Protein backbone atom coordinates (compact mmCIF):
# COMPACT_ATOMS: atom_id res chain seq x y z
CA MET A 1 -13.01 -9.38 31.08
CA TYR A 2 -9.89 -10.82 32.73
CA VAL A 3 -9.54 -13.35 29.93
CA ALA A 4 -9.67 -10.56 27.33
CA ALA A 5 -7.04 -8.56 29.24
CA ALA A 6 -4.81 -11.64 29.38
CA VAL A 7 -5.17 -12.10 25.62
CA VAL A 8 -4.13 -8.47 24.99
CA ALA A 9 -1.12 -8.79 27.32
CA ALA A 10 0.01 -12.07 25.76
CA ALA A 11 -0.26 -10.64 22.25
CA THR A 12 1.76 -7.57 23.27
CA LEU A 13 4.59 -9.67 24.68
CA LEU A 14 4.55 -12.11 21.78
CA TYR A 15 4.77 -9.47 19.06
CA ALA A 16 7.28 -7.06 20.61
CA GLN A 17 10.17 -8.59 18.65
CA VAL A 18 8.14 -8.65 15.42
CA ALA A 19 7.29 -4.96 15.81
CA VAL A 20 10.94 -4.05 16.38
CA GLY A 21 11.97 -5.97 13.25
CA LEU A 22 9.31 -4.21 11.18
CA VAL A 23 10.42 -0.76 12.32
CA ARG A 24 14.03 -1.65 11.52
CA GLN A 25 13.14 -2.79 7.98
CA TRP A 26 10.87 0.20 7.33
CA THR A 27 13.67 2.61 8.26
CA THR A 28 16.60 0.84 6.56
CA ASP A 29 15.17 -0.92 3.48
CA PRO A 30 14.19 1.45 0.63
CA GLY A 31 11.93 -1.25 -0.79
CA ALA A 32 9.85 -1.25 2.40
CA SER A 33 9.96 2.46 3.22
CA HIS A 34 6.37 2.98 2.04
CA GLY A 35 5.41 1.20 5.26
CA LEU A 36 6.30 4.34 7.22
CA LEU A 37 3.65 6.29 5.30
CA LEU A 38 1.03 3.65 6.00
CA VAL A 39 1.89 3.31 9.68
CA GLY A 40 1.88 7.09 10.09
CA ALA A 41 -1.55 7.28 8.47
CA ALA A 42 -2.79 4.43 10.67
CA LEU A 43 -1.63 6.26 13.82
CA PHE A 44 -3.21 9.51 12.62
CA LEU A 45 -6.48 7.73 11.92
CA LEU A 46 -6.33 6.01 15.30
CA ILE A 47 -5.92 9.36 17.07
CA LYS A 48 -8.76 10.81 15.02
CA ARG A 49 -11.06 7.93 15.92
CA TRP A 50 -10.00 7.73 19.56
CA PRO A 51 -13.06 9.65 20.89
CA ALA A 52 -15.36 7.28 19.00
CA LEU A 53 -13.40 4.30 20.33
CA ARG A 54 -13.70 5.56 23.90
CA GLY A 55 -17.44 5.90 23.42
CA VAL A 56 -17.81 2.20 22.56
CA PRO A 57 -19.07 0.19 25.56
CA ALA A 58 -16.36 -2.25 26.63
CA GLN A 59 -17.50 -5.86 26.53
CA SER A 60 -15.49 -9.01 26.13
CA SER A 61 -16.16 -11.21 23.11
CA THR A 62 -15.56 -14.91 22.76
CA PRO A 63 -15.12 -14.74 18.95
CA GLY A 64 -12.46 -12.08 19.48
CA ILE A 65 -10.59 -14.34 21.87
CA ALA A 66 -10.81 -17.12 19.30
CA LEU A 67 -9.46 -14.81 16.55
CA ALA A 68 -6.54 -13.79 18.76
CA GLY A 69 -5.86 -17.47 19.41
CA VAL A 70 -5.82 -18.15 15.67
CA ALA A 71 -3.34 -15.29 15.22
CA MET A 72 -1.04 -16.80 17.83
CA LEU A 73 -1.24 -20.20 16.13
CA ILE A 74 -0.27 -18.55 12.83
CA TYR A 75 2.62 -16.86 14.62
CA LEU A 76 3.81 -20.15 16.11
CA ALA A 77 3.53 -21.86 12.72
CA GLY A 78 5.73 -19.14 11.23
CA ALA A 79 8.20 -19.46 14.09
CA VAL A 80 8.46 -23.24 13.66
CA ALA A 81 8.84 -22.93 9.89
CA GLY A 82 11.29 -20.05 10.21
CA ASP A 83 9.04 -17.87 8.03
CA LEU A 84 9.24 -14.27 9.19
CA PHE A 85 6.50 -13.10 6.83
CA VAL A 86 3.97 -15.54 8.30
CA GLN A 87 4.79 -14.26 11.76
CA ARG A 88 4.28 -10.68 10.59
CA VAL A 89 1.01 -11.48 8.83
CA SER A 90 -0.39 -12.70 12.13
CA LEU A 91 0.24 -9.26 13.73
CA PRO A 92 -2.77 -7.37 12.31
CA VAL A 93 -4.90 -10.47 12.90
CA ALA A 94 -3.79 -10.45 16.55
CA ILE A 95 -4.55 -6.74 16.91
CA ALA A 96 -8.01 -7.27 15.45
CA GLY A 97 -8.62 -10.22 17.75
CA ALA A 98 -7.38 -8.33 20.81
CA ALA A 99 -9.61 -5.33 20.05
CA TRP A 100 -12.60 -7.59 19.43
CA ALA A 101 -11.91 -9.59 22.58
CA ALA A 102 -11.43 -6.55 24.82
CA ALA A 103 -14.17 -4.21 23.61
CA GLY A 104 -16.45 -6.11 21.24
CA TRP A 105 -17.34 -5.95 17.57
CA ALA A 106 -18.13 -2.23 17.63
CA SER A 107 -14.55 -1.38 18.57
CA LEU A 108 -13.22 -3.57 15.78
CA ARG A 109 -15.35 -1.67 13.26
CA VAL A 110 -13.84 1.61 14.46
CA LEU A 111 -10.32 0.19 14.19
CA PHE A 112 -10.77 -1.60 10.87
CA ALA A 113 -9.15 1.07 8.67
CA PRO A 114 -6.02 1.55 10.86
CA ILE A 115 -5.54 -2.22 11.06
CA ALA A 116 -5.95 -2.52 7.27
CA LEU A 117 -3.29 0.17 6.73
CA LEU A 118 -0.95 -1.70 9.06
CA ALA A 119 -1.53 -4.93 7.11
CA MET A 120 -0.61 -3.15 3.87
CA ALA A 121 2.59 -1.87 5.48
CA LEU A 122 3.98 -5.40 5.91
CA PRO A 123 6.96 -5.89 3.55
CA LEU A 124 6.44 -8.51 0.88
CA PRO A 125 8.44 -11.75 1.19
CA ALA A 126 11.39 -12.20 -1.15
CA ILE A 127 9.72 -15.05 -3.05
CA VAL A 128 6.76 -12.83 -3.97
CA VAL A 129 9.06 -9.99 -5.02
CA THR A 130 11.03 -12.38 -7.26
CA TYR A 131 7.88 -13.88 -8.76
CA VAL A 132 6.30 -10.50 -9.58
CA THR A 133 9.41 -8.59 -10.68
CA LEU A 134 10.15 -10.39 -13.97
CA PRO A 135 6.66 -9.94 -15.50
CA LEU A 136 6.77 -6.26 -14.54
CA GLN A 137 10.20 -5.91 -16.16
CA LEU A 138 8.92 -7.45 -19.41
CA VAL A 139 5.75 -5.36 -19.52
CA SER A 140 7.67 -2.14 -18.82
CA SER A 141 10.17 -3.08 -21.53
CA GLN A 142 7.39 -3.65 -24.08
CA ILE A 143 5.64 -0.36 -23.25
CA ALA A 144 8.93 1.53 -23.52
CA THR A 145 9.69 -0.18 -26.85
CA ASP A 146 6.34 0.86 -28.28
CA LEU A 147 6.76 4.44 -27.07
CA LEU A 148 10.30 4.70 -28.48
CA ALA A 149 9.19 3.27 -31.81
CA ALA A 150 6.32 5.77 -31.90
CA SER A 151 8.92 8.50 -31.36
CA SER A 152 10.84 7.31 -34.45
CA ILE A 153 13.71 5.96 -32.36
CA HIS A 154 15.05 2.64 -33.60
CA VAL A 155 14.89 0.05 -30.82
CA VAL A 156 14.92 -3.73 -30.60
CA ARG A 157 13.66 -5.49 -27.48
CA GLN A 158 15.40 -8.63 -26.29
CA GLY A 159 13.61 -9.69 -23.14
CA ASN A 160 14.23 -6.89 -20.66
CA LEU A 161 16.99 -5.38 -22.83
CA LEU A 162 16.31 -2.41 -25.10
CA VAL A 163 18.88 -2.24 -27.86
CA LEU A 164 19.11 1.30 -29.26
CA ASP A 165 21.56 2.57 -31.85
CA ALA A 166 23.65 4.39 -29.27
CA ILE A 167 23.18 2.30 -26.12
CA THR A 168 21.66 -0.88 -24.72
CA LEU A 169 19.38 -0.35 -21.73
CA GLU A 170 18.53 -3.03 -19.21
CA VAL A 171 15.26 -2.83 -17.30
CA ALA A 172 16.74 -4.21 -14.10
CA GLN A 173 14.92 -5.44 -11.00
CA ALA A 174 15.14 -2.02 -9.39
CA CYS A 175 13.49 -0.52 -12.51
CA SER A 176 10.67 -3.06 -12.73
CA GLY A 177 8.16 -0.62 -11.21
CA LEU A 178 7.32 -2.81 -8.21
CA GLN A 179 8.40 -0.13 -5.75
CA SER A 180 6.32 2.46 -7.59
CA LEU A 181 3.36 0.09 -7.50
CA LEU A 182 3.67 -0.44 -3.74
CA SER A 183 4.16 3.27 -3.09
CA LEU A 184 1.18 4.23 -5.25
CA ALA A 185 -0.97 1.63 -3.50
CA SER A 186 0.11 3.19 -0.20
CA VAL A 187 -0.84 6.67 -1.39
CA ALA A 188 -4.22 5.38 -2.55
CA ALA A 189 -4.83 3.58 0.75
CA VAL A 190 -3.98 6.65 2.80
CA GLY A 191 -6.24 8.80 0.64
CA ALA A 192 -9.09 6.30 0.88
CA ALA A 193 -8.75 6.19 4.67
CA LEU A 194 -8.45 9.93 5.32
CA LEU A 195 -10.59 11.57 2.63
CA PRO A 196 -14.39 11.52 2.33
CA ILE A 197 -14.62 9.14 -0.62
CA ASN A 198 -17.52 6.80 -1.23
CA ARG A 199 -17.18 3.10 -1.92
CA TRP A 200 -17.20 3.41 -5.71
CA GLY A 201 -14.58 6.15 -5.58
CA ARG A 202 -12.31 3.87 -3.57
CA ILE A 203 -12.85 0.97 -5.96
CA LEU A 204 -12.02 3.20 -8.93
CA MET A 205 -8.91 4.52 -7.25
CA PHE A 206 -7.50 1.13 -6.26
CA ALA A 207 -8.36 -0.38 -9.64
CA ALA A 208 -6.34 2.40 -11.29
CA VAL A 209 -3.19 1.86 -9.21
CA LEU A 210 -1.86 -1.11 -11.19
CA PRO A 211 -2.29 0.34 -14.71
CA ILE A 212 -0.99 3.75 -13.63
CA ALA A 213 2.12 2.19 -12.08
CA ILE A 214 2.83 -0.07 -15.07
CA ILE A 215 2.22 2.55 -17.75
CA GLY A 216 4.03 5.23 -15.75
CA ASN A 217 7.09 3.01 -15.37
CA GLY A 218 7.01 2.26 -19.11
CA PHE A 219 7.05 6.00 -19.81
CA ARG A 220 9.97 6.39 -17.41
CA VAL A 221 12.01 3.73 -19.21
CA ALA A 222 11.10 5.29 -22.56
CA ALA A 223 12.17 8.72 -21.31
CA THR A 224 15.50 7.23 -20.28
CA GLY A 225 15.87 5.82 -23.80
CA VAL A 226 15.12 9.19 -25.40
CA LEU A 227 17.55 11.02 -23.13
CA SER A 228 20.22 8.38 -23.75
CA THR A 229 19.78 8.82 -27.50
CA TRP A 230 20.25 12.56 -27.17
CA PHE A 231 22.88 12.81 -24.43
CA GLY A 232 24.53 9.40 -24.24
CA ARG A 233 25.10 6.97 -21.38
CA ALA A 234 25.20 9.73 -18.74
CA ALA A 235 21.41 10.10 -19.06
CA ALA A 236 20.91 6.49 -17.92
CA GLU A 237 23.10 6.75 -14.84
CA GLY A 238 23.52 8.74 -11.67
CA ALA A 239 21.56 11.85 -10.84
CA VAL A 240 19.82 12.14 -14.22
CA HIS A 241 18.47 8.59 -13.94
CA GLU A 242 17.27 9.23 -10.39
CA LEU A 243 15.64 12.50 -11.43
CA THR A 244 13.79 10.74 -14.26
CA GLY A 245 12.45 8.16 -11.82
CA PHE A 246 11.39 10.85 -9.35
CA ALA A 247 9.59 12.84 -12.06
CA ALA A 248 7.76 9.72 -13.23
CA PHE A 249 6.63 8.90 -9.70
CA VAL A 250 5.41 12.47 -9.15
CA ALA A 251 3.35 12.16 -12.34
CA MET A 252 1.88 8.84 -11.15
CA CYS A 253 1.00 10.38 -7.79
CA ALA A 254 -0.65 13.28 -9.61
CA ALA A 255 -2.86 10.78 -11.43
CA ILE A 256 -3.80 9.13 -8.13
CA PHE A 257 -4.56 12.49 -6.52
CA ALA A 258 -6.72 13.36 -9.53
CA LEU A 259 -8.75 10.21 -8.85
CA LEU A 260 -8.92 11.13 -5.16
CA TRP A 261 -10.30 14.52 -6.18
CA ILE A 262 -12.88 12.89 -8.45
CA GLY A 263 -13.80 10.57 -5.59
CA ARG A 264 -14.42 13.53 -3.29
CA PHE A 265 -16.78 15.08 -5.82
CA SER A 266 -18.53 11.76 -6.39
CA ILE A 267 -19.61 11.53 -2.76
CA ASP A 268 -20.91 15.10 -2.87
CA ALA A 269 -22.89 14.26 -6.01
CA SER A 270 -24.30 11.10 -4.45
CA ASP A 271 -25.51 13.06 -1.42
CA THR A 272 -27.10 15.87 -3.48
CA GLY A 273 -30.86 16.00 -3.07
CA ARG A 274 -30.98 13.59 -0.17
CA PRO A 275 -33.07 14.72 2.80
CA ASP A 276 -31.25 15.33 6.04
CA THR A 277 -33.04 12.35 7.55
CA ALA A 278 -31.08 10.06 5.24
CA ARG A 279 -28.19 10.20 7.67
CA PRO A 280 -29.37 9.39 11.19
CA GLU A 281 -28.02 11.50 14.00
CA GLY A 282 -24.84 10.06 15.43
CA ARG A 283 -23.88 8.14 12.31
CA ALA A 284 -20.20 8.40 11.44
CA LEU A 285 -19.22 10.82 8.72
CA PRO A 286 -17.89 9.30 5.46
CA VAL A 287 -14.33 10.21 6.42
CA ASP A 288 -14.57 7.80 9.32
CA ALA A 289 -16.13 4.98 7.35
CA ALA A 290 -14.19 1.76 7.55
């Protein structure tokens, strides 16, 4: 028990600086702001599951101590290499190891969903953002080109440039749709953690995030092209451009929420006709499933 307590204390001291850096980036970097949603949902879920966590018999676990040790080795490797992302990745691993070491496997099962939300909240490293952004720019450009052509608007695509008769639009890094993708994934993760959705509903919802984000961003770029054709360059800049992006993201969220709603009905349908004995007394409700 004392060894487990020492592991928890060491992990807390080791990751204090990492936690402060994460909070600073979540609150100052728009590209990482979705992390606040995920962390807030993780805290809410932790509070909700606290009675269940208190009911778990505390027992130290050697595998948990080993997992916490692995997390600290990952942290040290990141510190030696000067890789902040590697250090941050080790944080949820350390939390999982500390929980497992201090209270056993049962406590880790209760905390799995909050820890998973925290892991998703970690900002992506710059090299991943750079690697993913260009393909997203090109795909969004192609979708927008097809939509504009279908609307009888003359357009020629040159890479991530859309050459219209009145204006040339560039699908820049900020318009690649990566931020929408991360934000939609966050919305889906929060919904999956907090709503009573079965496993297949969650799979459907997460599988839909990528196509919804890509197609939705293509529609946003196409809408900018249409508005620019009608109203000129002002439609591609400033408040109008921001409003177009906001409207597109609201539409994408609506699609995700529609899938969440379908997922809620799917669990009701799957439980229809089952005898009450199918769910043993004391078993966690679906909303608390990991």
